[in-house]
Amino acid sequence: MLKYIFCISIFLFGITFTSFAQIKPASFGSDPQAKLLKFYPSPATTDITFEYQHGYDKSYSLQIYNFMGKKVYEQTTTAQRMTISLSNFYRGVYIYQLRDKNGEIIESSKFQIVK
């Protein structure tokens, strides 16, 4: 079963833009709400760490989008814990997406950067 995690509609100059993202429930354990990734600190200032809680897979890709929907970072998973420097990021709300090797979203959430 697929769940919609967010819907953003923007009406700008007579054009409506709508964005949907879907998430497949994780197949680990009996808790469908359990997160695959843990991130900290939140809010972040200088760097942010993403750490796998379950099901670490080197074929996963971590993508980070700014609030306007522009991809600002992408990395194929190389380790169970990844620390990303935020020196090139602006203050604001960001969305991360964890994708499998087929490009499907496995998990998505938001975090905030304060500088």
Protein backbone atom coordinates (compact mmCIF):
# COMPACT_ATOMS: atom_id res chain seq x y z
CA MET A 1 0.00 0.00 0.00
CA LEU A 2 1.34 3.44 -0.94
CA LYS A 3 0.88 6.49 1.23
CA TYR A 4 1.03 10.12 0.14
CA ILE A 5 3.41 12.02 2.35
CA PHE A 6 2.94 15.55 1.11
CA CYS A 7 1.12 17.60 -1.45
CA ILE A 8 2.19 21.09 -2.37
CA SER A 9 0.04 23.23 -4.63
CA ILE A 10 1.27 26.63 -5.71
CA PHE A 11 -0.82 29.04 -7.72
CA LEU A 12 1.54 31.41 -9.49
CA PHE A 13 0.76 33.69 -12.44
CA GLY A 14 -2.35 31.71 -13.37
CA ILE A 15 -0.54 28.34 -13.32
CA THR A 16 -1.08 25.71 -10.63
CA PHE A 17 1.85 23.47 -9.75
CA THR A 18 1.08 20.38 -7.69
CA SER A 19 3.67 17.99 -6.30
CA PHE A 20 2.96 14.59 -4.80
CA ALA A 21 5.38 12.15 -3.21
CA GLN A 22 4.60 8.58 -2.33
CA ILE A 23 6.19 6.37 0.24
CA LYS A 24 6.11 2.62 0.45
CA PRO A 25 5.84 1.22 3.95
CA ALA A 26 9.10 -0.31 5.13
CA SER A 27 9.10 -4.08 5.24
CA PHE A 28 11.03 -4.44 8.50
CA GLY A 29 9.45 -5.40 11.80
CA SER A 30 5.79 -5.03 12.66
CA ASP A 31 5.83 -1.23 12.97
CA PRO A 32 5.05 0.35 9.58
CA GLN A 33 5.86 3.80 11.01
CA ALA A 34 9.43 2.84 12.01
CA LYS A 35 12.02 5.03 10.29
CA LEU A 36 14.89 3.59 8.30
CA LEU A 37 17.03 6.72 8.81
CA LYS A 38 17.64 8.78 11.92
CA PHE A 39 19.03 12.29 11.45
CA TYR A 40 20.53 14.69 13.98
CA PRO A 41 20.88 17.40 15.17
CA SER A 42 17.58 19.00 14.34
CA PRO A 43 17.62 21.88 13.79
CA ALA A 44 21.10 21.68 12.29
CA THR A 45 23.70 24.45 12.06
CA THR A 46 27.04 23.27 10.64
CA ASP A 47 26.44 19.66 9.65
CA ILE A 48 23.79 16.94 9.77
CA THR A 49 24.25 13.21 10.29
CA PHE A 50 22.06 10.52 8.75
CA GLU A 51 22.30 7.09 10.36
CA TYR A 52 20.61 3.86 9.27
CA GLN A 53 18.49 2.17 11.92
CA HIS A 54 17.48 -0.90 9.86
CA GLY A 55 18.10 -2.39 6.44
CA TYR A 56 21.31 -0.64 5.39
CA ASP A 57 21.77 -1.07 1.62
CA LYS A 58 24.63 0.39 -0.44
CA SER A 59 22.34 0.81 -3.46
CA TYR A 60 20.25 3.47 -1.69
CA SER A 61 20.56 7.12 -2.65
CA LEU A 62 20.04 10.08 -0.31
CA GLN A 63 18.68 13.21 -1.98
CA ILE A 64 18.11 16.58 -0.33
CA TYR A 65 15.73 19.19 -1.75
CA ASN A 66 15.25 22.80 -0.69
CA PHE A 67 11.74 24.04 0.10
CA MET A 68 11.26 25.19 -3.51
CA GLY A 69 11.78 21.59 -4.68
CA LYS A 70 15.26 22.01 -6.17
CA LYS A 71 17.64 19.11 -5.56
CA VAL A 72 20.65 20.53 -3.70
CA TYR A 73 22.46 17.33 -2.70
CA GLU A 74 22.67 13.68 -3.70
CA GLN A 75 24.85 10.85 -2.48
CA THR A 76 24.81 7.12 -2.97
CA THR A 77 24.95 5.42 0.40
CA THR A 78 28.56 4.60 1.24
CA ALA A 79 28.35 3.91 4.96
CA GLN A 80 25.86 3.24 7.72
CA ARG A 81 26.44 6.78 9.02
CA MET A 82 26.85 9.85 6.77
CA THR A 83 27.70 13.36 7.97
CA ILE A 84 27.00 16.17 5.51
CA SER A 85 28.56 19.61 5.81
CA LEU A 86 25.98 22.39 5.58
CA SER A 87 28.45 25.13 4.67
CA ASN A 88 26.90 25.48 1.17
CA PHE A 89 23.29 25.31 2.41
CA TYR A 90 21.12 28.31 3.24
CA ARG A 91 18.97 28.65 6.32
CA GLY A 92 15.55 27.04 5.88
CA VAL A 93 13.52 23.85 5.66
CA TYR A 94 14.82 20.94 3.56
CA ILE A 95 13.33 17.61 2.57
CA TYR A 96 15.37 14.43 2.31
CA GLN A 97 14.35 11.43 0.27
CA LEU A 98 15.88 7.99 0.55
CA ARG A 99 15.52 6.18 -2.77
CA ASP A 100 16.17 2.59 -3.80
CA LYS A 101 18.16 1.53 -6.88
CA ASN A 102 15.01 1.89 -9.03
CA GLY A 103 14.55 5.50 -7.93
CA GLU A 104 11.46 4.84 -5.82
CA ILE A 105 11.10 6.78 -2.57
CA ILE A 106 11.55 4.54 0.46
CA GLU A 107 11.43 7.27 3.08
CA SER A 108 11.09 11.03 3.19
CA SER A 109 11.09 13.64 5.93
CA LYS A 110 12.03 17.24 6.55
CA PHE A 111 14.68 18.97 8.62
CA GLN A 112 15.60 22.54 9.38
CA ILE A 113 18.87 24.44 9.06
CA VAL A 114 19.44 27.45 11.30
CA LYS A 115 22.56 29.58 10.92
